[in-house]
Amino acid sequence: MLITATEFKANFGKYLSLLDKEEIILTKNGRRIARIVKDGDQKRSSLQSFFGVLKDSPLAKATDEELREVLAEERRKRYENID
């Protein structure tokens, strides 16, 4: 569902109840600014989509914990080189 940030603010409770059925994408001045999803299964879905282009990779069938470890290691590498 695509709605404006102003509409979301005005009807916050209504849209929270709709999160069980669909995700909400907020817009401001015609541009997408946020995507709101129900907490839970979406975390795994987001991590899988991050690695989705790597279908033949071992990460495609990795557990949540394995994916978190890979992401944490990438973050550590990124900040190790900053002096």
C-alpha atoms as a PDB file:
ATOM      1  CA  MET A   1       0.000   0.000   0.000  1.00  0.00           C
ATOM      2  CA  LEU A   2       1.385   3.386  -0.992  1.00  0.00           C
ATOM      3  CA  ILE A   3       0.362   6.323   1.235  1.00  0.00           C
ATOM      4  CA  THR A   4       1.672   9.756   2.130  1.00  0.00           C
ATOM      5  CA  ALA A   5       3.495  10.376   5.395  1.00  0.00           C
ATOM      6  CA  THR A   6       0.806  12.891   6.352  1.00  0.00           C
ATOM      7  CA  GLU A   7      -1.948  10.316   5.815  1.00  0.00           C
ATOM      8  CA  PHE A   8       0.003   7.784   7.868  1.00  0.00           C
ATOM      9  CA  LYS A   9       0.405  10.250  10.740  1.00  0.00           C
ATOM     10  CA  ALA A  10      -3.277  11.148  10.703  1.00  0.00           C
ATOM     11  CA  ASN A  11      -4.452   7.508  10.758  1.00  0.00           C
ATOM     12  CA  PHE A  12      -1.604   5.739  12.546  1.00  0.00           C
ATOM     13  CA  GLY A  13      -3.760   3.132  14.331  1.00  0.00           C
ATOM     14  CA  LYS A  14      -5.617   2.176  11.181  1.00  0.00           C
ATOM     15  CA  TYR A  15      -2.408   1.526   9.278  1.00  0.00           C
ATOM     16  CA  LEU A  16      -0.833  -0.424  12.139  1.00  0.00           C
ATOM     17  CA  SER A  17      -3.752  -2.846  12.016  1.00  0.00           C
ATOM     18  CA  LEU A  18      -3.347  -3.187   8.244  1.00  0.00           C
ATOM     19  CA  LEU A  19       0.275  -4.322   8.644  1.00  0.00           C
ATOM     20  CA  ASP A  20      -0.994  -7.866   9.284  1.00  0.00           C
ATOM     21  CA  LYS A  21      -2.205  -7.959   5.689  1.00  0.00           C
ATOM     22  CA  GLU A  22       0.317  -5.921   3.702  1.00  0.00           C
ATOM     23  CA  GLU A  23       3.370  -3.708   3.833  1.00  0.00           C
ATOM     24  CA  ILE A  24       3.070   0.081   3.798  1.00  0.00           C
ATOM     25  CA  ILE A  25       5.248   2.355   1.695  1.00  0.00           C
ATOM     26  CA  LEU A  26       5.325   5.988   2.785  1.00  0.00           C
ATOM     27  CA  THR A  27       5.829   8.843   0.366  1.00  0.00           C
ATOM     28  CA  LYS A  28       6.723  12.473   0.874  1.00  0.00           C
ATOM     29  CA  ASN A  29       6.576  14.994  -1.963  1.00  0.00           C
ATOM     30  CA  GLY A  30       5.967  12.112  -4.365  1.00  0.00           C
ATOM     31  CA  ARG A  31       9.130  10.210  -3.362  1.00  0.00           C
ATOM     32  CA  ARG A  32       9.266   6.943  -1.440  1.00  0.00           C
ATOM     33  CA  ILE A  33      10.800   7.530   1.965  1.00  0.00           C
ATOM     34  CA  ALA A  34      10.062   4.415   4.025  1.00  0.00           C
ATOM     35  CA  ARG A  35       8.796   0.850   3.893  1.00  0.00           C
ATOM     36  CA  ILE A  36       6.967  -0.456   6.952  1.00  0.00           C
ATOM     37  CA  VAL A  37       6.509  -4.199   7.407  1.00  0.00           C
ATOM     38  CA  LYS A  38       5.251  -6.401  10.207  1.00  0.00           C
ATOM     39  CA  ASP A  39       8.078  -7.579  12.456  1.00  0.00           C
ATOM     40  CA  GLY A  40       8.869 -11.272  12.272  1.00  0.00           C
ATOM     41  CA  ASP A  41       9.053 -13.192   9.014  1.00  0.00           C
ATOM     42  CA  GLN A  42      10.106 -10.080   7.135  1.00  0.00           C
ATOM     43  CA  LYS A  43      13.553 -10.135   8.752  1.00  0.00           C
ATOM     44  CA  ARG A  44      14.402 -13.439   7.096  1.00  0.00           C
ATOM     45  CA  SER A  45      12.831 -12.287   3.854  1.00  0.00           C
ATOM     46  CA  SER A  46      14.961  -9.140   3.856  1.00  0.00           C
ATOM     47  CA  LEU A  47      18.153 -11.056   4.543  1.00  0.00           C
ATOM     48  CA  GLN A  48      17.331 -13.581   1.831  1.00  0.00           C
ATOM     49  CA  SER A  49      16.609 -10.847  -0.689  1.00  0.00           C
ATOM     50  CA  PHE A  50      19.983  -9.320   0.143  1.00  0.00           C
ATOM     51  CA  PHE A  51      21.610 -12.566  -0.977  1.00  0.00           C
ATOM     52  CA  GLY A  52      18.959 -13.378  -3.597  1.00  0.00           C
ATOM     53  CA  VAL A  53      21.255 -12.631  -6.513  1.00  0.00           C
ATOM     54  CA  LEU A  54      23.590 -15.324  -5.258  1.00  0.00           C
ATOM     55  CA  LYS A  55      21.242 -18.259  -5.921  1.00  0.00           C
ATOM     56  CA  ASP A  56      24.068 -20.778  -6.288  1.00  0.00           C
ATOM     57  CA  SER A  57      25.855 -19.462  -3.235  1.00  0.00           C
ATOM     58  CA  PRO A  58      25.896 -21.419   0.029  1.00  0.00           C
ATOM     59  CA  LEU A  59      24.325 -18.315   1.571  1.00  0.00           C
ATOM     60  CA  ALA A  60      21.121 -18.939  -0.360  1.00  0.00           C
ATOM     61  CA  LYS A  61      20.248 -21.734   2.074  1.00  0.00           C
ATOM     62  CA  ALA A  62      21.948 -20.289   5.133  1.00  0.00           C
ATOM     63  CA  THR A  63      20.201 -20.044   8.481  1.00  0.00           C
ATOM     64  CA  ASP A  64      19.305 -16.695  10.020  1.00  0.00           C
ATOM     65  CA  GLU A  65      22.291 -16.935  12.358  1.00  0.00           C
ATOM     66  CA  GLU A  66      24.710 -17.681   9.515  1.00  0.00           C
ATOM     67  CA  LEU A  67      23.407 -14.695   7.538  1.00  0.00           C
ATOM     68  CA  ARG A  68      23.794 -12.425  10.575  1.00  0.00           C
ATOM     69  CA  GLU A  69      27.375 -13.613  11.050  1.00  0.00           C
ATOM     70  CA  VAL A  70      28.240 -12.872   7.415  1.00  0.00           C
ATOM     71  CA  LEU A  71      26.744  -9.383   7.662  1.00  0.00           C
ATOM     72  CA  ALA A  72      28.550  -8.703  10.955  1.00  0.00           C
ATOM     73  CA  GLU A  73      31.861  -9.791   9.438  1.00  0.00           C
ATOM     74  CA  GLU A  74      31.317  -7.482   6.453  1.00  0.00           C
ATOM     75  CA  ARG A  75      30.643  -4.581   8.823  1.00  0.00           C
ATOM     76  CA  ARG A  76      33.810  -5.342  10.802  1.00  0.00           C
ATOM     77  CA  LYS A  77      35.887  -5.431   7.599  1.00  0.00           C
ATOM     78  CA  ARG A  78      34.439  -2.115   6.468  1.00  0.00           C
ATOM     79  CA  TYR A  79      35.406  -0.334   9.681  1.00  0.00           C
ATOM     80  CA  GLU A  80      38.799  -1.996  10.151  1.00  0.00           C
ATOM     81  CA  ASN A  81      40.260   0.047   7.305  1.00  0.00           C
ATOM     82  CA  ILE A  82      39.121   3.405   8.640  1.00  0.00           C
ATOM     83  CA  ASP A  83      41.989   5.249  10.330  1.00  0.00           C
END
